[in-house]
N, C-alpha and C. Protein backbone atom coordinates (compact mmCIF):
# COMPACT_ATOMS: atom_id res chain seq x y z
N MET A 1 6.30 0.91 -10.64
CA MET A 1 5.18 -0.04 -10.83
C MET A 1 5.07 -0.48 -12.23
N SER A 2 4.95 -1.75 -12.43
CA SER A 2 4.90 -2.30 -13.84
C SER A 2 3.53 -2.01 -14.40
N GLU A 3 3.35 -2.16 -15.77
CA GLU A 3 2.11 -1.94 -16.40
C GLU A 3 1.04 -2.90 -15.90
N GLU A 4 1.38 -4.13 -15.64
CA GLU A 4 0.47 -5.15 -15.12
C GLU A 4 -0.04 -4.76 -13.78
N GLU A 5 0.86 -4.26 -12.89
CA GLU A 5 0.45 -3.83 -11.58
C GLU A 5 -0.46 -2.67 -11.69
N LYS A 6 -0.21 -1.73 -12.55
CA LYS A 6 -1.08 -0.53 -12.69
C LYS A 6 -2.49 -0.95 -13.16
N ARG A 7 -2.60 -1.91 -14.03
CA ARG A 7 -3.88 -2.35 -14.50
C ARG A 7 -4.66 -3.05 -13.35
N ARG A 8 -3.97 -3.54 -12.34
CA ARG A 8 -4.61 -4.29 -11.22
C ARG A 8 -4.95 -3.42 -10.07
N SER A 9 -4.57 -2.13 -10.17
CA SER A 9 -4.79 -1.27 -9.00
C SER A 9 -6.30 -1.16 -8.73
N SER A 10 -6.66 -0.97 -7.46
CA SER A 10 -8.03 -0.79 -7.12
C SER A 10 -8.66 0.42 -7.77
N ARG A 11 -9.83 0.23 -8.30
CA ARG A 11 -10.50 1.33 -9.15
C ARG A 11 -11.90 1.55 -8.42
N VAL A 12 -12.31 2.84 -8.60
CA VAL A 12 -13.54 3.22 -8.02
C VAL A 12 -14.34 3.99 -9.07
N VAL A 13 -15.61 3.74 -9.16
CA VAL A 13 -16.51 4.44 -10.07
C VAL A 13 -17.15 5.61 -9.25
N PRO A 14 -17.13 6.85 -9.73
CA PRO A 14 -17.79 7.91 -8.97
C PRO A 14 -19.30 7.79 -9.00
N VAL A 15 -19.86 8.11 -7.76
CA VAL A 15 -21.32 8.06 -7.69
C VAL A 15 -21.93 9.36 -7.28
N VAL A 16 -21.07 10.38 -7.01
CA VAL A 16 -21.54 11.65 -6.57
C VAL A 16 -21.19 12.67 -7.63
N SER A 17 -22.08 13.56 -7.99
CA SER A 17 -21.88 14.46 -9.13
C SER A 17 -20.63 15.29 -9.12
N GLU A 18 -20.26 15.80 -7.92
CA GLU A 18 -19.06 16.68 -7.87
C GLU A 18 -17.80 15.88 -8.07
N GLU A 19 -17.87 14.56 -7.94
CA GLU A 19 -16.71 13.73 -8.17
C GLU A 19 -16.40 13.53 -9.62
N GLU A 20 -17.42 13.82 -10.52
CA GLU A 20 -17.28 13.46 -11.92
C GLU A 20 -16.59 14.45 -12.78
N VAL A 21 -16.45 15.66 -12.42
CA VAL A 21 -15.86 16.66 -13.33
C VAL A 21 -14.36 16.67 -13.36
N VAL A 22 -13.85 16.62 -14.59
CA VAL A 22 -12.37 16.63 -14.76
C VAL A 22 -12.05 17.67 -15.84
N LEU A 23 -11.12 18.49 -15.58
CA LEU A 23 -10.59 19.48 -16.57
C LEU A 23 -9.27 18.99 -17.02
N ILE A 24 -9.11 18.89 -18.37
CA ILE A 24 -7.87 18.38 -18.94
C ILE A 24 -7.07 19.58 -19.51
N ASP A 25 -5.96 19.87 -18.87
CA ASP A 25 -5.12 21.05 -19.34
C ASP A 25 -3.94 20.62 -20.17
N LEU A 26 -3.98 20.89 -21.46
CA LEU A 26 -2.87 20.58 -22.39
C LEU A 26 -2.13 21.81 -22.76
N GLY A 27 -2.25 22.90 -21.92
CA GLY A 27 -1.57 24.11 -22.24
C GLY A 27 -2.22 24.98 -23.27
N LYS A 28 -3.48 24.68 -23.69
CA LYS A 28 -4.21 25.45 -24.61
C LYS A 28 -5.00 26.56 -23.88
N PRO A 29 -5.60 27.47 -24.61
CA PRO A 29 -6.28 28.60 -23.93
C PRO A 29 -7.36 28.14 -22.93
N SER A 30 -8.08 27.07 -23.28
CA SER A 30 -9.10 26.58 -22.38
C SER A 30 -9.01 25.02 -22.20
N PRO A 31 -9.16 24.56 -21.01
CA PRO A 31 -9.07 23.14 -20.76
C PRO A 31 -10.32 22.37 -21.36
N SER A 32 -10.13 21.14 -21.55
CA SER A 32 -11.23 20.25 -22.10
C SER A 32 -11.99 19.72 -20.87
N LEU A 33 -13.25 19.68 -21.00
CA LEU A 33 -14.16 19.18 -19.93
C LEU A 33 -14.53 17.71 -20.12
N ALA A 34 -14.36 16.92 -19.06
CA ALA A 34 -14.63 15.48 -19.14
C ALA A 34 -15.37 15.05 -17.87
N LYS A 35 -15.81 13.80 -17.93
CA LYS A 35 -16.49 13.12 -16.81
C LYS A 35 -15.64 11.97 -16.38
N LEU A 36 -15.41 11.89 -15.13
CA LEU A 36 -14.61 10.80 -14.54
C LEU A 36 -15.44 9.56 -14.58
N LEU A 37 -14.92 8.48 -15.13
CA LEU A 37 -15.59 7.18 -15.22
C LEU A 37 -14.99 6.15 -14.31
N ASP A 38 -13.65 6.26 -14.06
CA ASP A 38 -12.93 5.21 -13.34
C ASP A 38 -11.74 5.94 -12.72
N PHE A 39 -11.41 5.56 -11.47
CA PHE A 39 -10.34 6.35 -10.78
C PHE A 39 -9.56 5.39 -9.88
N SER A 40 -8.27 5.48 -9.93
CA SER A 40 -7.38 4.70 -8.99
C SER A 40 -6.21 5.54 -8.57
N GLU A 41 -5.31 5.05 -7.77
CA GLU A 41 -4.15 5.81 -7.29
C GLU A 41 -3.13 6.08 -8.43
N VAL A 42 -3.22 5.30 -9.50
CA VAL A 42 -2.23 5.53 -10.59
C VAL A 42 -2.76 6.12 -11.88
N GLY A 43 -4.11 6.24 -11.98
CA GLY A 43 -4.64 6.80 -13.23
C GLY A 43 -6.13 6.90 -13.19
N THR A 44 -6.66 7.32 -14.35
CA THR A 44 -8.11 7.48 -14.46
C THR A 44 -8.54 7.34 -15.90
N LEU A 45 -9.80 7.00 -16.09
CA LEU A 45 -10.39 7.00 -17.41
C LEU A 45 -11.56 8.04 -17.35
N VAL A 46 -11.57 8.86 -18.44
CA VAL A 46 -12.56 9.94 -18.50
C VAL A 46 -13.29 9.79 -19.87
N TYR A 47 -14.48 10.45 -19.89
CA TYR A 47 -15.27 10.60 -21.09
C TYR A 47 -15.42 12.03 -21.38
N LEU A 48 -14.93 12.43 -22.60
CA LEU A 48 -15.00 13.82 -23.07
C LEU A 48 -16.39 14.22 -23.23
N LEU A 49 -16.75 15.39 -22.71
CA LEU A 49 -18.13 15.93 -22.87
C LEU A 49 -18.33 16.59 -24.25
N VAL A 50 -19.58 16.97 -24.51
CA VAL A 50 -19.85 17.58 -25.77
C VAL A 50 -18.97 18.84 -26.01
N ASP A 51 -18.61 18.94 -27.23
CA ASP A 51 -17.72 20.06 -27.68
C ASP A 51 -16.34 20.02 -27.12
N ALA A 52 -15.98 19.01 -26.37
CA ALA A 52 -14.61 18.85 -25.85
C ALA A 52 -13.81 18.03 -26.82
N SER A 53 -12.54 18.37 -27.00
CA SER A 53 -11.73 17.50 -27.91
C SER A 53 -10.24 17.51 -27.35
N VAL A 54 -9.66 16.39 -27.53
CA VAL A 54 -8.24 16.29 -27.14
C VAL A 54 -7.55 15.67 -28.36
N ASP A 55 -6.91 16.53 -29.13
CA ASP A 55 -6.25 16.03 -30.33
C ASP A 55 -4.78 15.65 -30.06
N ALA A 56 -4.38 15.63 -28.84
CA ALA A 56 -3.01 15.26 -28.48
C ALA A 56 -2.81 13.76 -28.58
N PRO A 57 -1.64 13.36 -29.03
CA PRO A 57 -1.38 11.87 -29.21
C PRO A 57 -1.12 11.19 -27.88
N ILE A 58 -1.19 9.90 -27.91
CA ILE A 58 -0.80 9.09 -26.77
C ILE A 58 0.62 9.46 -26.38
N GLY A 59 0.87 9.49 -25.07
CA GLY A 59 2.16 9.86 -24.60
C GLY A 59 2.30 11.35 -24.20
N THR A 60 1.28 12.14 -24.57
CA THR A 60 1.25 13.60 -24.28
C THR A 60 1.11 13.80 -22.78
N ALA A 61 2.00 14.71 -22.26
CA ALA A 61 1.86 15.08 -20.82
C ALA A 61 0.89 16.19 -20.62
N CYS A 62 0.10 16.18 -19.50
CA CYS A 62 -0.87 17.20 -19.25
C CYS A 62 -1.13 17.32 -17.75
N SER A 63 -2.07 18.08 -17.40
CA SER A 63 -2.51 18.20 -16.02
C SER A 63 -4.03 17.92 -15.99
N LEU A 64 -4.43 17.22 -14.96
CA LEU A 64 -5.86 17.00 -14.74
C LEU A 64 -6.23 17.68 -13.44
N MET A 65 -7.38 18.47 -13.62
CA MET A 65 -7.86 19.15 -12.43
C MET A 65 -9.08 18.47 -11.92
N LEU A 66 -9.04 18.05 -10.61
CA LEU A 66 -10.04 17.22 -10.02
C LEU A 66 -10.61 17.92 -8.76
N TYR A 67 -11.88 17.71 -8.43
CA TYR A 67 -12.48 18.28 -7.24
C TYR A 67 -12.20 17.35 -6.09
N GLN A 68 -11.71 17.86 -5.01
CA GLN A 68 -11.47 17.02 -3.80
C GLN A 68 -11.84 17.86 -2.57
N GLN A 69 -12.96 17.55 -1.92
CA GLN A 69 -13.41 18.19 -0.67
C GLN A 69 -13.23 19.65 -0.68
N GLY A 70 -13.93 20.34 -1.54
CA GLY A 70 -13.97 21.77 -1.55
C GLY A 70 -12.82 22.49 -2.22
N LYS A 71 -11.91 21.70 -2.81
CA LYS A 71 -10.80 22.34 -3.52
C LYS A 71 -10.50 21.57 -4.80
N VAL A 72 -9.82 22.26 -5.67
CA VAL A 72 -9.41 21.61 -6.96
C VAL A 72 -7.87 21.25 -6.78
N ILE A 73 -7.63 19.92 -7.18
CA ILE A 73 -6.29 19.45 -7.07
C ILE A 73 -5.83 19.29 -8.51
N THR A 74 -4.51 19.58 -8.75
CA THR A 74 -3.97 19.39 -10.04
C THR A 74 -3.03 18.23 -10.02
N VAL A 75 -3.26 17.23 -10.94
CA VAL A 75 -2.53 16.01 -10.93
C VAL A 75 -1.82 15.93 -12.36
N PRO A 76 -0.46 15.76 -12.36
CA PRO A 76 0.25 15.55 -13.51
C PRO A 76 -0.12 14.22 -14.14
N ALA A 77 -0.33 14.16 -15.42
CA ALA A 77 -0.75 12.91 -16.08
C ALA A 77 -0.17 12.78 -17.47
N LYS A 78 -0.33 11.58 -18.06
CA LYS A 78 0.07 11.30 -19.44
C LYS A 78 -1.04 10.53 -20.05
N ILE A 79 -1.37 10.87 -21.34
CA ILE A 79 -2.40 10.15 -22.07
C ILE A 79 -1.77 8.76 -22.43
N VAL A 80 -2.53 7.70 -22.09
CA VAL A 80 -2.04 6.34 -22.39
C VAL A 80 -2.95 5.54 -23.31
N ARG A 81 -4.26 6.01 -23.36
CA ARG A 81 -5.17 5.29 -24.25
C ARG A 81 -6.19 6.35 -24.71
N LYS A 82 -6.64 6.11 -26.01
CA LYS A 82 -7.67 6.93 -26.49
C LYS A 82 -8.60 6.04 -27.44
N LEU A 83 -9.95 6.21 -27.21
CA LEU A 83 -10.86 5.48 -28.11
C LEU A 83 -12.11 6.35 -28.13
N GLY A 84 -12.26 7.08 -29.24
CA GLY A 84 -13.37 7.97 -29.35
C GLY A 84 -13.29 9.05 -28.26
N ARG A 85 -14.31 9.19 -27.49
CA ARG A 85 -14.38 10.16 -26.40
C ARG A 85 -13.80 9.69 -25.07
N LEU A 86 -13.38 8.37 -25.05
CA LEU A 86 -12.70 7.85 -23.89
C LEU A 86 -11.17 8.03 -23.90
N ILE A 87 -10.64 8.53 -22.77
CA ILE A 87 -9.21 8.81 -22.68
C ILE A 87 -8.77 8.25 -21.37
N GLY A 88 -7.67 7.43 -21.46
CA GLY A 88 -7.08 6.90 -20.24
C GLY A 88 -5.79 7.61 -19.93
N PHE A 89 -5.56 7.97 -18.68
CA PHE A 89 -4.41 8.65 -18.20
C PHE A 89 -3.69 7.90 -17.10
N ASP A 90 -2.38 7.95 -17.16
CA ASP A 90 -1.60 7.49 -16.04
C ASP A 90 -1.10 8.71 -15.30
N PHE A 91 -1.15 8.71 -13.98
CA PHE A 91 -0.68 9.85 -13.24
C PHE A 91 0.85 9.91 -13.27
N GLY A 92 1.36 11.09 -13.30
CA GLY A 92 2.81 11.31 -13.23
C GLY A 92 3.30 11.44 -11.83
N GLU A 93 4.52 11.96 -11.69
CA GLU A 93 5.16 12.17 -10.42
C GLU A 93 4.39 13.30 -9.65
N MET A 94 3.87 12.90 -8.46
CA MET A 94 3.04 13.79 -7.69
C MET A 94 3.73 14.18 -6.43
N SER A 95 3.46 15.41 -5.99
CA SER A 95 4.04 15.90 -4.65
C SER A 95 3.30 15.04 -3.58
N ALA A 96 3.89 15.06 -2.36
CA ALA A 96 3.31 14.36 -1.25
C ALA A 96 1.85 14.85 -0.94
N GLU A 97 1.63 16.10 -1.08
CA GLU A 97 0.28 16.65 -0.93
C GLU A 97 -0.70 16.17 -1.94
N VAL A 98 -0.31 16.10 -3.18
CA VAL A 98 -1.24 15.60 -4.19
C VAL A 98 -1.49 14.08 -4.04
N VAL A 99 -0.46 13.31 -3.67
CA VAL A 99 -0.66 11.90 -3.39
C VAL A 99 -1.67 11.75 -2.29
N HIS A 100 -1.48 12.51 -1.22
CA HIS A 100 -2.49 12.47 -0.10
C HIS A 100 -3.88 12.80 -0.57
N ASP A 101 -3.99 13.89 -1.35
CA ASP A 101 -5.33 14.25 -1.89
C ASP A 101 -5.95 13.15 -2.82
N VAL A 102 -5.17 12.56 -3.62
CA VAL A 102 -5.69 11.48 -4.50
C VAL A 102 -6.11 10.24 -3.63
N GLN A 103 -5.30 9.93 -2.68
CA GLN A 103 -5.68 8.79 -1.77
C GLN A 103 -6.99 9.14 -0.93
N ALA A 104 -7.04 10.35 -0.47
CA ALA A 104 -8.17 10.77 0.23
C ALA A 104 -9.48 10.71 -0.60
N LYS A 105 -9.30 11.18 -1.87
CA LYS A 105 -10.48 11.21 -2.81
C LYS A 105 -10.86 9.73 -3.08
N LEU A 106 -9.93 8.85 -3.33
CA LEU A 106 -10.23 7.46 -3.60
C LEU A 106 -10.89 6.81 -2.41
N LEU A 107 -10.40 7.08 -1.24
CA LEU A 107 -11.04 6.50 -0.05
C LEU A 107 -12.47 7.02 0.13
N ARG A 108 -12.66 8.33 -0.01
CA ARG A 108 -13.99 8.87 0.11
C ARG A 108 -14.96 8.36 -0.93
N MET A 109 -14.46 8.12 -2.17
CA MET A 109 -15.27 7.58 -3.21
C MET A 109 -15.72 6.13 -2.85
N GLU A 110 -14.71 5.34 -2.31
CA GLU A 110 -15.06 3.97 -1.91
C GLU A 110 -16.09 3.91 -0.79
N VAL A 111 -15.92 4.78 0.19
CA VAL A 111 -16.90 4.80 1.29
C VAL A 111 -18.26 5.15 0.79
N GLU A 112 -18.38 6.14 -0.08
CA GLU A 112 -19.66 6.53 -0.63
C GLU A 112 -20.29 5.47 -1.45
N TRP A 113 -19.47 4.71 -2.23
CA TRP A 113 -19.96 3.62 -3.03
C TRP A 113 -20.55 2.50 -2.12
N LEU A 114 -19.80 2.20 -1.08
CA LEU A 114 -20.29 1.13 -0.16
C LEU A 114 -21.57 1.61 0.56
N ARG A 115 -21.60 2.83 1.02
CA ARG A 115 -22.85 3.38 1.62
C ARG A 115 -23.99 3.30 0.77
N LEU A 116 -23.87 3.77 -0.51
CA LEU A 116 -24.92 3.63 -1.46
C LEU A 116 -25.39 2.22 -1.83
N SER A 117 -24.36 1.36 -1.94
CA SER A 117 -24.71 -0.01 -2.33
C SER A 117 -25.42 -0.73 -1.23
N LYS A 118 -25.06 -0.42 0.02
CA LYS A 118 -25.73 -1.06 1.23
C LYS A 118 -27.16 -0.55 1.39
N SER A 119 -27.37 0.78 1.10
CA SER A 119 -28.68 1.34 1.25
C SER A 119 -29.61 0.85 0.17
N GLY A 120 -29.03 0.36 -0.93
CA GLY A 120 -29.88 -0.20 -2.05
C GLY A 120 -30.26 -1.64 -1.80
N ASN A 121 -29.61 -2.29 -0.83
CA ASN A 121 -29.90 -3.72 -0.62
C ASN A 121 -30.94 -3.88 0.51
N ARG A 122 -31.53 -2.89 0.95
CA ARG A 122 -32.48 -2.93 2.10
C ARG A 122 -33.85 -3.29 1.51
């Protein structure tokens, strides 16, 4: 997938609190805690929470731990953008199970977003 296609992938903004937590594992003793801001099949944008820091440069490989229907999924990723506390990741090569979990998470987030936006229009 080209860079232009990645930027055009469908994105969802989380609206449910358990969807928001992301742990960034860079192989250090403790992972960094972040909030999910934007999510797609090919990557995500997160906001580092207080006292979290990621001093790794762009291009660094890592793992992201995301909550998905009662379990934690681990997604291989690479840092592609950094601006202050905002960090953009592209997902790496995923197993079929992780691809399924990411797609299921994305679908569930889209359904929740639609449900909430329709209930607000009444």
